[in-house]
Amino acid sequence: MPELLPRAADRFTGIVRAIEPADFGAPTPCADYDVRALLRHLLYWGPFLLAAARRTEAPAPAGGEVALDLGEDWADRLDRQAADLTEALLRPGAGDGMTDFGGNPLPASMLYAMVYDEFVIHGWDLATATGRPFDLETEIATDLYELLVPTADMAREMKVYGPEVPVPASAPILDRLLGLTGRDPSWTPPVR
């Protein structure tokens, strides 16, 4: 439901705003990333998502996400990026036809799910990695789960998600959503 995307974006930016530089080295449930690397990932790919949503040319940053300098304004940039993505994806016709994502043609309708997924799943990654609560409304978790079920196997083939983590059907919807995207809902950060 489109009206849920701004709520997911708000939840995401609230988590981002709570992160301290002391958290940067913390591991995340997303095995390839610590907090700093996940923030770089979000800042690197966000402009590609925005360009695809706006159907403009994407920037060509040098060196990939690993070389991206967070800078001191990283939280402000992520906040603006979330607002811009939400605005672009809620425009009439934003999901119509095809668009270009990083040089690859993509159905524009997929962008909504990709961004929604980034806000919720990486929001959970960041909250969990930094020991902060992630209180997501059941309505958002259910909506995203239903949106991702049809494409989850394709996402796994593309290495976007890891192997599905088995979660009982009786588990809370957020846990089932996390398992679908290859995350263990019971993951906790190692003691530092």
Protein backbone atom coordinates (compact mmCIF):
# COMPACT_ATOMS: atom_id res chain seq x y z
CA MET A 1 0.00 0.00 0.00
CA PRO A 2 1.60 3.26 -1.09
CA GLU A 3 0.61 5.11 2.08
CA LEU A 4 2.85 2.74 4.07
CA LEU A 5 6.07 3.70 2.26
CA PRO A 6 6.40 7.09 4.03
CA ARG A 7 5.86 5.36 7.38
CA ALA A 8 8.57 2.82 6.57
CA ALA A 9 10.87 5.68 5.49
CA ASP A 10 10.22 7.50 8.77
CA ARG A 11 11.04 4.36 10.76
CA PHE A 12 14.25 3.94 8.73
CA THR A 13 15.42 7.54 9.16
CA GLY A 14 14.66 7.40 12.89
CA ILE A 15 17.02 4.43 13.17
CA VAL A 16 19.67 6.16 11.07
CA ARG A 17 19.48 9.30 13.24
CA ALA A 18 20.14 7.21 16.37
CA ILE A 19 23.39 5.71 15.02
CA GLU A 20 26.60 7.07 16.54
CA PRO A 21 30.06 6.92 14.93
CA ALA A 22 31.01 4.54 17.77
CA ASP A 23 28.53 2.06 16.19
CA PHE A 24 30.27 2.01 12.79
CA GLY A 25 32.37 -1.10 13.46
CA ALA A 26 29.48 -3.18 14.80
CA PRO A 27 28.64 -6.30 12.76
CA THR A 28 25.18 -6.46 11.22
CA PRO A 29 22.87 -9.42 10.51
CA CYS A 30 23.79 -8.82 6.87
CA ALA A 31 26.99 -10.90 7.05
CA ASP A 32 29.05 -8.94 4.50
CA TYR A 33 28.55 -5.62 6.25
CA ASP A 34 29.39 -3.87 9.46
CA VAL A 35 27.35 -0.72 10.20
CA ARG A 36 29.75 1.57 8.30
CA ALA A 37 29.73 -0.67 5.22
CA LEU A 38 25.92 -0.93 5.29
CA LEU A 39 25.62 2.87 5.48
CA ARG A 40 28.00 3.11 2.50
CA HIS A 41 25.89 0.55 0.65
CA LEU A 42 22.73 2.59 1.22
CA LEU A 43 24.37 5.87 0.22
CA TYR A 44 25.96 4.32 -2.86
CA TRP A 45 22.87 2.59 -4.28
CA GLY A 46 20.32 5.23 -3.27
CA PRO A 47 21.20 7.60 -6.13
CA PHE A 48 20.84 4.73 -8.62
CA LEU A 49 17.38 3.94 -7.22
CA LEU A 50 16.44 7.62 -7.33
CA ALA A 51 17.65 8.05 -10.90
CA ALA A 52 15.66 4.96 -11.92
CA ALA A 53 12.55 6.29 -10.16
CA ARG A 54 12.93 9.72 -11.76
CA ARG A 55 14.06 8.21 -15.08
CA THR A 56 17.16 10.34 -15.17
CA GLU A 57 20.78 9.41 -15.67
CA ALA A 58 22.40 7.81 -12.64
CA PRO A 59 25.62 9.22 -11.21
CA ALA A 60 28.81 7.29 -11.82
CA PRO A 61 30.68 7.35 -8.50
CA ALA A 62 34.25 6.10 -8.73
CA GLY A 63 35.48 3.12 -6.80
CA GLY A 64 32.16 1.52 -5.80
CA GLU A 65 30.54 1.48 -2.41
CA VAL A 66 33.72 0.43 -0.59
CA ALA A 67 35.43 3.67 -1.63
CA LEU A 68 32.51 5.89 -0.67
CA ASP A 69 33.42 8.40 2.03
CA LEU A 70 30.62 8.68 4.57
CA GLY A 71 31.61 12.22 5.49
CA GLU A 72 30.13 13.99 8.50
CA ASP A 73 26.74 14.54 6.84
CA TRP A 74 25.96 10.86 6.16
CA ALA A 75 22.77 10.89 8.29
CA ASP A 76 21.49 14.07 6.60
CA ARG A 77 22.20 12.55 3.19
CA LEU A 78 20.36 9.32 4.06
CA ASP A 79 17.44 11.34 5.43
CA ARG A 80 17.21 13.39 2.19
CA GLN A 81 17.66 10.27 0.09
CA ALA A 82 14.78 8.50 1.86
CA ALA A 83 12.51 11.53 1.41
CA ASP A 84 13.46 11.92 -2.27
CA LEU A 85 12.93 8.22 -2.99
CA THR A 86 9.56 8.23 -1.27
CA GLU A 87 8.44 11.31 -3.19
CA ALA A 88 9.64 9.92 -6.53
CA LEU A 89 7.99 6.53 -6.04
CA LEU A 90 4.64 7.98 -5.03
CA ARG A 91 4.29 10.16 -8.13
CA PRO A 92 1.49 9.09 -10.48
CA GLY A 93 2.86 6.72 -13.12
CA ALA A 94 6.14 6.08 -11.26
CA GLY A 95 5.68 2.31 -11.56
CA ASP A 96 4.69 2.29 -15.23
CA GLY A 97 6.82 0.78 -17.98
CA MET A 98 10.55 0.17 -17.86
CA THR A 99 13.40 2.15 -16.37
CA ASP A 100 17.17 1.86 -16.13
CA PHE A 101 18.86 0.75 -12.93
CA GLY A 102 22.63 1.07 -13.03
CA GLY A 103 22.74 0.33 -16.75
CA ASN A 104 20.24 -2.53 -16.60
CA PRO A 105 16.63 -2.38 -17.80
CA LEU A 106 14.17 -2.99 -15.01
CA PRO A 107 10.37 -2.89 -14.73
CA ALA A 108 9.69 0.39 -12.92
CA SER A 109 7.17 -1.41 -10.70
CA MET A 110 10.05 -3.31 -9.05
CA LEU A 111 11.62 -0.11 -7.70
CA TYR A 112 8.90 0.37 -5.12
CA ALA A 113 9.54 -3.07 -3.60
CA MET A 114 13.30 -2.55 -3.72
CA VAL A 115 13.15 0.73 -1.82
CA TYR A 116 10.51 -0.50 0.64
CA ASP A 117 12.75 -3.51 1.28
CA GLU A 118 15.78 -1.26 1.86
CA PHE A 119 13.90 0.86 4.40
CA VAL A 120 12.51 -2.07 6.37
CA ILE A 121 15.09 -4.83 6.08
CA HIS A 122 18.22 -2.67 6.25
CA GLY A 123 16.46 -0.60 8.91
CA TRP A 124 16.13 -3.79 10.96
CA ASP A 125 19.77 -4.67 10.19
CA LEU A 126 20.96 -1.30 11.51
CA ALA A 127 18.69 -1.27 14.56
CA THR A 128 19.64 -4.81 15.53
CA ALA A 129 23.36 -4.24 14.95
CA THR A 130 23.34 -1.20 17.21
CA GLY A 131 21.18 -2.77 19.94
CA ARG A 132 18.18 -0.53 19.30
CA PRO A 133 14.55 -1.66 19.19
CA PHE A 134 12.85 -2.14 15.85
CA ASP A 135 9.16 -1.67 16.43
CA LEU A 136 7.55 -2.11 13.04
CA GLU A 137 3.81 -1.97 12.60
CA THR A 138 2.31 -5.33 11.65
CA GLU A 139 0.59 -3.62 8.71
CA ILE A 140 3.94 -2.64 7.16
CA ALA A 141 5.54 -6.05 7.76
CA THR A 142 2.51 -7.82 6.25
CA ASP A 143 2.40 -5.52 3.24
CA LEU A 144 6.10 -5.94 2.47
CA TYR A 145 5.98 -9.71 3.06
CA GLU A 146 3.16 -10.09 0.55
CA LEU A 147 5.03 -7.89 -1.90
CA LEU A 148 8.29 -9.88 -1.62
CA VAL A 149 7.02 -13.47 -1.59
CA PRO A 150 6.61 -13.67 -5.39
CA THR A 151 10.16 -12.38 -6.08
CA ALA A 152 12.14 -13.82 -3.15
CA ASP A 153 13.50 -16.82 -5.09
CA MET A 154 14.67 -14.53 -7.90
CA ALA A 155 16.33 -12.25 -5.32
CA ARG A 156 18.15 -15.27 -3.89
CA GLU A 157 19.33 -16.29 -7.37
CA MET A 158 20.67 -12.76 -7.87
CA LYS A 159 22.44 -12.97 -4.46
CA VAL A 160 20.35 -10.07 -3.11
CA TYR A 161 19.06 -12.38 -0.35
CA GLY A 162 20.81 -15.23 1.35
CA PRO A 163 19.18 -18.64 1.79
CA GLU A 164 15.76 -18.46 3.40
CA VAL A 165 15.89 -18.93 7.16
CA PRO A 166 13.13 -21.32 8.25
CA VAL A 167 10.63 -19.55 10.50
CA PRO A 168 7.46 -21.18 11.84
CA ALA A 169 4.22 -20.10 10.14
CA SER A 170 2.96 -19.15 13.61
CA ALA A 171 5.85 -16.67 14.13
CA PRO A 172 5.21 -12.92 14.02
CA ILE A 173 5.01 -11.54 10.49
CA LEU A 174 8.23 -9.52 10.94
CA ASP A 175 10.11 -12.73 11.78
CA ARG A 176 8.67 -14.43 8.68
CA LEU A 177 9.64 -11.41 6.57
CA LEU A 178 13.19 -11.50 7.92
CA GLY A 179 13.49 -15.24 7.31
CA LEU A 180 12.21 -14.75 3.75
CA THR A 181 15.03 -12.28 3.10
CA GLY A 182 17.69 -14.61 4.51
CA ARG A 183 17.95 -13.17 8.00
CA ASP A 184 17.75 -14.97 11.30
CA PRO A 185 15.14 -13.08 13.35
CA SER A 186 16.88 -14.16 16.56
CA TRP A 187 20.24 -12.68 15.53
CA THR A 188 21.86 -10.53 18.18
CA PRO A 189 25.11 -8.61 17.98
CA PRO A 190 28.12 -10.24 19.57
CA VAL A 191 29.12 -8.77 22.92
CA ARG A 192 31.67 -6.01 22.37
